């Protein structure tokens, strides 16, 4: 497995962890449990951001610029609801 695939796998795992921690935060029944999940979520989001930044720096996570007209179309579509 090359470095790019390894980083992709780590990022996917971290995204899954964030999802679990988010749901744990939302569904927690006590303030202590809520805070524990919330702290874990914040830390995991930071790790996810770091992984993303490293992948972007190496060109392994390319992004596209969206045309402003497409953005405006979507905004208009959902602003009327």
Protein backbone atom coordinates (compact mmCIF):
# COMPACT_ATOMS: atom_id res chain seq x y z
CA UNK A 1 0.00 0.00 0.00
CA UNK A 2 1.43 3.38 -0.95
CA UNK A 3 1.36 6.53 1.17
CA UNK A 4 -1.59 8.04 -0.69
CA UNK A 5 -3.79 4.98 -0.10
CA UNK A 6 -2.71 4.84 3.52
CA UNK A 7 -3.64 8.50 4.06
CA UNK A 8 -6.98 7.99 2.29
CA UNK A 9 -7.75 5.07 4.59
CA UNK A 10 -6.75 7.04 7.69
CA UNK A 11 -8.93 9.96 6.59
CA UNK A 12 -11.92 7.69 6.01
CA UNK A 13 -11.45 6.10 9.42
CA UNK A 14 -11.18 9.51 11.07
CA UNK A 15 -14.35 10.69 9.33
CA UNK A 16 -16.13 7.60 10.68
CA UNK A 17 -14.86 8.31 14.18
CA UNK A 18 -16.13 11.90 13.92
CA UNK A 19 -19.54 10.60 12.89
CA UNK A 20 -19.67 8.27 15.89
CA UNK A 21 -18.58 10.99 18.31
CA UNK A 22 -21.10 13.43 16.85
CA UNK A 23 -23.94 10.98 17.40
CA UNK A 24 -22.63 10.21 20.88
CA UNK A 25 -22.67 13.92 21.65
CA UNK A 26 -26.20 14.37 20.34
CA UNK A 27 -27.62 11.30 22.09
CA UNK A 28 -25.79 11.56 25.42
CA UNK A 29 -28.01 11.45 28.45
CA UNK A 30 -25.89 13.30 30.99
CA UNK A 31 -23.74 16.41 30.98
CA UNK A 32 -20.58 14.41 31.74
CA UNK A 33 -21.12 11.99 28.86
CA UNK A 34 -22.05 14.85 26.55
CA UNK A 35 -18.86 16.73 27.43
CA UNK A 36 -16.70 13.63 26.95
CA UNK A 37 -18.12 13.00 23.48
CA UNK A 38 -17.96 16.69 22.59
CA UNK A 39 -14.28 16.88 23.57
CA UNK A 40 -13.49 13.71 21.62
CA UNK A 41 -15.35 15.09 18.59
CA UNK A 42 -13.43 18.36 18.68
CA UNK A 43 -10.10 16.51 18.87
CA UNK A 44 -11.10 14.16 16.06
CA UNK A 45 -12.17 17.06 13.85
CA UNK A 46 -8.75 18.59 14.42
CA UNK A 47 -7.06 15.35 13.39
CA UNK A 48 -9.27 15.12 10.31
CA UNK A 49 -8.30 18.67 9.35
CA UNK A 50 -4.59 17.90 9.79
CA UNK A 51 -4.84 14.79 7.61
CA UNK A 52 -6.77 16.72 4.96
CA UNK A 53 -4.16 19.52 4.97
CA UNK A 54 -1.32 17.03 4.52
CA UNK A 55 -3.14 15.27 1.67
CA UNK A 56 -3.94 18.58 -0.02
CA UNK A 57 -0.32 19.73 0.25
CA UNK A 58 0.77 16.57 -1.60
CA UNK A 59 -1.94 16.95 -4.25
CA UNK A 60 -3.74 13.83 -3.05
CA UNK A 61 -7.04 15.57 -2.30
CA UNK A 62 -7.78 17.82 -5.25
CA UNK A 63 -10.70 20.22 -5.10
CA UNK A 64 -12.50 22.10 -7.84
CA UNK A 65 -13.65 25.69 -7.90
CA UNK A 66 -17.37 25.90 -8.53
CA UNK A 67 -18.65 28.53 -10.91
CA UNK A 68 -20.39 31.35 -9.06
CA UNK A 69 -23.49 30.91 -11.24
CA UNK A 70 -23.91 27.36 -9.93
CA UNK A 71 -23.55 28.54 -6.35
CA UNK A 72 -26.13 31.27 -6.97
CA UNK A 73 -28.53 28.77 -8.54
CA UNK A 74 -28.37 26.47 -5.51
CA UNK A 75 -28.75 29.41 -3.09
CA UNK A 76 -31.78 30.62 -4.99
CA UNK A 77 -33.30 27.14 -5.08
CA UNK A 78 -33.10 26.69 -1.31
CA UNK A 79 -33.80 30.25 -0.21
CA UNK A 80 -37.40 29.98 -1.39
CA UNK A 81 -38.18 27.04 0.89
